[in-house]
């Protein structure tokens, strides 16, 4: 391996590491159950506007 290949290898590793850190830092967490997406809300009947559960 000569100097030119070594410099290209180091440069590629540096760029890939930089790209990985950007993806890690810029990723946002998702809030579970935001906007009522986790539970089902009953829309009609006696129990209107209540959250349906699987417990019985």
N, C-alpha and C. Protein backbone atom coordinates (compact mmCIF):
# COMPACT_ATOMS: atom_id res chain seq x y z
N UNK A 1 0.86 -1.17 0.00
CA UNK A 1 0.00 0.00 0.00
C UNK A 1 0.91 1.24 0.00
N UNK A 2 0.70 2.09 -0.96
CA UNK A 2 1.51 3.31 -1.03
C UNK A 2 0.81 4.47 -0.30
N UNK A 3 1.46 5.62 -0.29
CA UNK A 3 0.93 6.79 0.42
C UNK A 3 -0.42 7.23 -0.14
N UNK A 4 -0.56 7.19 -1.46
CA UNK A 4 -1.80 7.65 -2.09
C UNK A 4 -2.98 6.79 -1.65
N UNK A 5 -2.82 5.46 -1.68
CA UNK A 5 -3.90 4.57 -1.25
C UNK A 5 -4.22 4.76 0.23
N UNK A 6 -3.18 4.94 1.02
CA UNK A 6 -3.38 5.13 2.45
C UNK A 6 -4.14 6.42 2.74
N UNK A 7 -3.79 7.50 2.04
CA UNK A 7 -4.49 8.78 2.23
C UNK A 7 -5.97 8.65 1.83
N UNK A 8 -6.24 7.93 0.73
CA UNK A 8 -7.63 7.74 0.30
C UNK A 8 -8.40 6.90 1.33
N UNK A 9 -7.74 5.89 1.89
CA UNK A 9 -8.39 5.05 2.90
C UNK A 9 -8.74 5.87 4.14
N UNK A 10 -7.80 6.68 4.61
CA UNK A 10 -8.03 7.51 5.79
C UNK A 10 -9.13 8.53 5.52
N UNK A 11 -9.09 9.12 4.33
CA UNK A 11 -10.11 10.11 3.96
C UNK A 11 -11.50 9.48 3.91
N UNK A 12 -11.61 8.28 3.35
CA UNK A 12 -12.89 7.57 3.29
C UNK A 12 -13.41 7.22 4.67
N UNK A 13 -12.52 6.75 5.54
CA UNK A 13 -12.94 6.41 6.90
C UNK A 13 -13.39 7.65 7.66
N UNK A 14 -12.69 8.74 7.46
CA UNK A 14 -13.04 9.99 8.13
C UNK A 14 -14.43 10.47 7.67
N UNK A 15 -14.69 10.41 6.37
CA UNK A 15 -15.99 10.84 5.84
C UNK A 15 -17.12 9.94 6.32
N UNK A 16 -16.88 8.63 6.37
CA UNK A 16 -17.93 7.72 6.81
C UNK A 16 -18.23 7.93 8.30
N UNK A 17 -17.20 8.19 9.09
CA UNK A 17 -17.42 8.45 10.51
C UNK A 17 -18.20 9.75 10.72
N UNK A 18 -17.87 10.76 9.94
CA UNK A 18 -18.58 12.04 10.02
C UNK A 18 -20.05 11.87 9.63
N UNK A 19 -20.29 11.08 8.58
CA UNK A 19 -21.67 10.83 8.13
C UNK A 19 -22.46 10.08 9.19
N UNK A 20 -21.86 9.09 9.82
CA UNK A 20 -22.54 8.32 10.87
C UNK A 20 -22.90 9.21 12.06
N UNK A 21 -21.99 10.11 12.44
CA UNK A 21 -22.29 10.98 13.58
C UNK A 21 -23.41 11.97 13.23
N UNK A 22 -23.47 12.43 11.99
CA UNK A 22 -24.57 13.31 11.58
C UNK A 22 -25.90 12.59 11.68
N UNK A 23 -25.96 11.35 11.19
CA UNK A 23 -27.20 10.60 11.26
C UNK A 23 -27.61 10.35 12.70
N UNK A 24 -26.64 10.09 13.55
CA UNK A 24 -26.92 9.83 14.96
C UNK A 24 -27.44 11.08 15.66
N UNK A 25 -26.85 12.23 15.38
CA UNK A 25 -27.22 13.46 16.06
C UNK A 25 -28.50 14.08 15.53
N UNK A 26 -28.78 13.93 14.25
CA UNK A 26 -29.93 14.60 13.64
C UNK A 26 -31.21 13.79 13.72
N UNK A 27 -31.11 12.54 14.15
CA UNK A 27 -32.31 11.70 14.25
C UNK A 27 -33.14 12.15 15.44
N UNK A 28 -34.44 12.27 15.25
CA UNK A 28 -35.33 12.72 16.32
C UNK A 28 -36.09 11.52 16.90
N UNK A 29 -36.34 11.56 18.18
CA UNK A 29 -37.12 10.50 18.81
C UNK A 29 -38.60 10.74 18.54
N UNK A 30 -39.33 9.66 18.47
CA UNK A 30 -40.77 9.72 18.22
C UNK A 30 -41.49 9.50 19.54
N UNK A 31 -42.48 10.34 19.78
CA UNK A 31 -43.25 10.21 21.01
C UNK A 31 -44.32 9.14 20.81
N UNK A 32 -44.29 8.11 21.63
CA UNK A 32 -45.23 7.00 21.50
C UNK A 32 -46.61 7.45 21.94
N UNK A 33 -47.59 7.16 21.12
CA UNK A 33 -48.96 7.51 21.47
C UNK A 33 -49.32 8.95 21.20
N UNK A 34 -48.49 9.67 20.49
CA UNK A 34 -48.80 11.07 20.18
C UNK A 34 -49.99 11.13 19.23
N UNK A 35 -50.84 12.10 19.41
CA UNK A 35 -52.03 12.31 18.58
C UNK A 35 -52.98 11.12 18.60
N UNK A 36 -52.98 10.35 19.67
CA UNK A 36 -53.94 9.26 19.81
C UNK A 36 -53.66 8.08 18.91
N UNK A 37 -52.44 7.84 18.53
CA UNK A 37 -52.15 6.75 17.60
C UNK A 37 -51.96 5.41 18.29
N UNK A 38 -51.81 5.41 19.60
CA UNK A 38 -51.54 4.15 20.29
C UNK A 38 -52.83 3.46 20.73
N UNK A 39 -53.81 4.18 21.19
CA UNK A 39 -55.04 3.60 21.70
C UNK A 39 -56.21 3.96 20.79
N UNK A 40 -57.22 3.11 20.79
CA UNK A 40 -58.41 3.35 19.99
C UNK A 40 -59.44 4.10 20.83
N UNK A 41 -60.00 5.16 20.29
CA UNK A 41 -61.02 5.95 20.99
C UNK A 41 -62.38 5.58 20.40
N UNK A 42 -63.32 5.24 21.29
CA UNK A 42 -64.67 4.87 20.87
C UNK A 42 -65.38 6.11 20.36
N UNK A 43 -65.99 6.02 19.16
CA UNK A 43 -66.59 7.20 18.54
C UNK A 43 -68.11 7.23 18.62
N UNK A 44 -68.74 6.07 18.83
CA UNK A 44 -70.20 6.04 18.89
C UNK A 44 -70.65 5.22 20.09
N UNK A 45 -71.85 5.48 20.55
CA UNK A 45 -72.44 4.66 21.60
C UNK A 45 -72.34 5.29 22.98
N UNK A 46 -72.61 4.47 23.98
CA UNK A 46 -72.66 4.93 25.36
C UNK A 46 -71.29 5.39 25.84
N UNK A 47 -70.24 4.70 25.43
CA UNK A 47 -68.88 5.00 25.90
C UNK A 47 -68.13 5.90 24.92
N UNK A 48 -68.82 6.83 24.31
CA UNK A 48 -68.22 7.73 23.33
C UNK A 48 -67.07 8.53 23.96
N UNK A 49 -66.00 8.73 23.20
CA UNK A 49 -64.80 9.49 23.62
C UNK A 49 -64.04 8.83 24.77
N UNK A 50 -64.16 7.53 24.95
CA UNK A 50 -63.32 6.84 25.93
C UNK A 50 -62.33 5.96 25.19
N UNK A 51 -61.24 5.68 25.86
CA UNK A 51 -60.18 4.85 25.25
C UNK A 51 -60.53 3.40 25.48
N UNK A 52 -60.56 2.62 24.40
CA UNK A 52 -60.87 1.19 24.50
C UNK A 52 -59.62 0.46 24.97
N UNK A 53 -59.81 -0.46 25.90
CA UNK A 53 -58.70 -1.27 26.40
C UNK A 53 -58.94 -2.74 26.06
N UNK A 54 -57.90 -3.52 26.12
CA UNK A 54 -58.04 -4.95 25.82
C UNK A 54 -58.35 -5.75 27.07
N UNK A 55 -58.35 -5.11 28.24
CA UNK A 55 -58.68 -5.82 29.49
C UNK A 55 -60.16 -6.11 29.53
N UNK A 56 -60.51 -7.22 30.17
CA UNK A 56 -61.92 -7.58 30.27
C UNK A 56 -62.27 -7.93 31.69
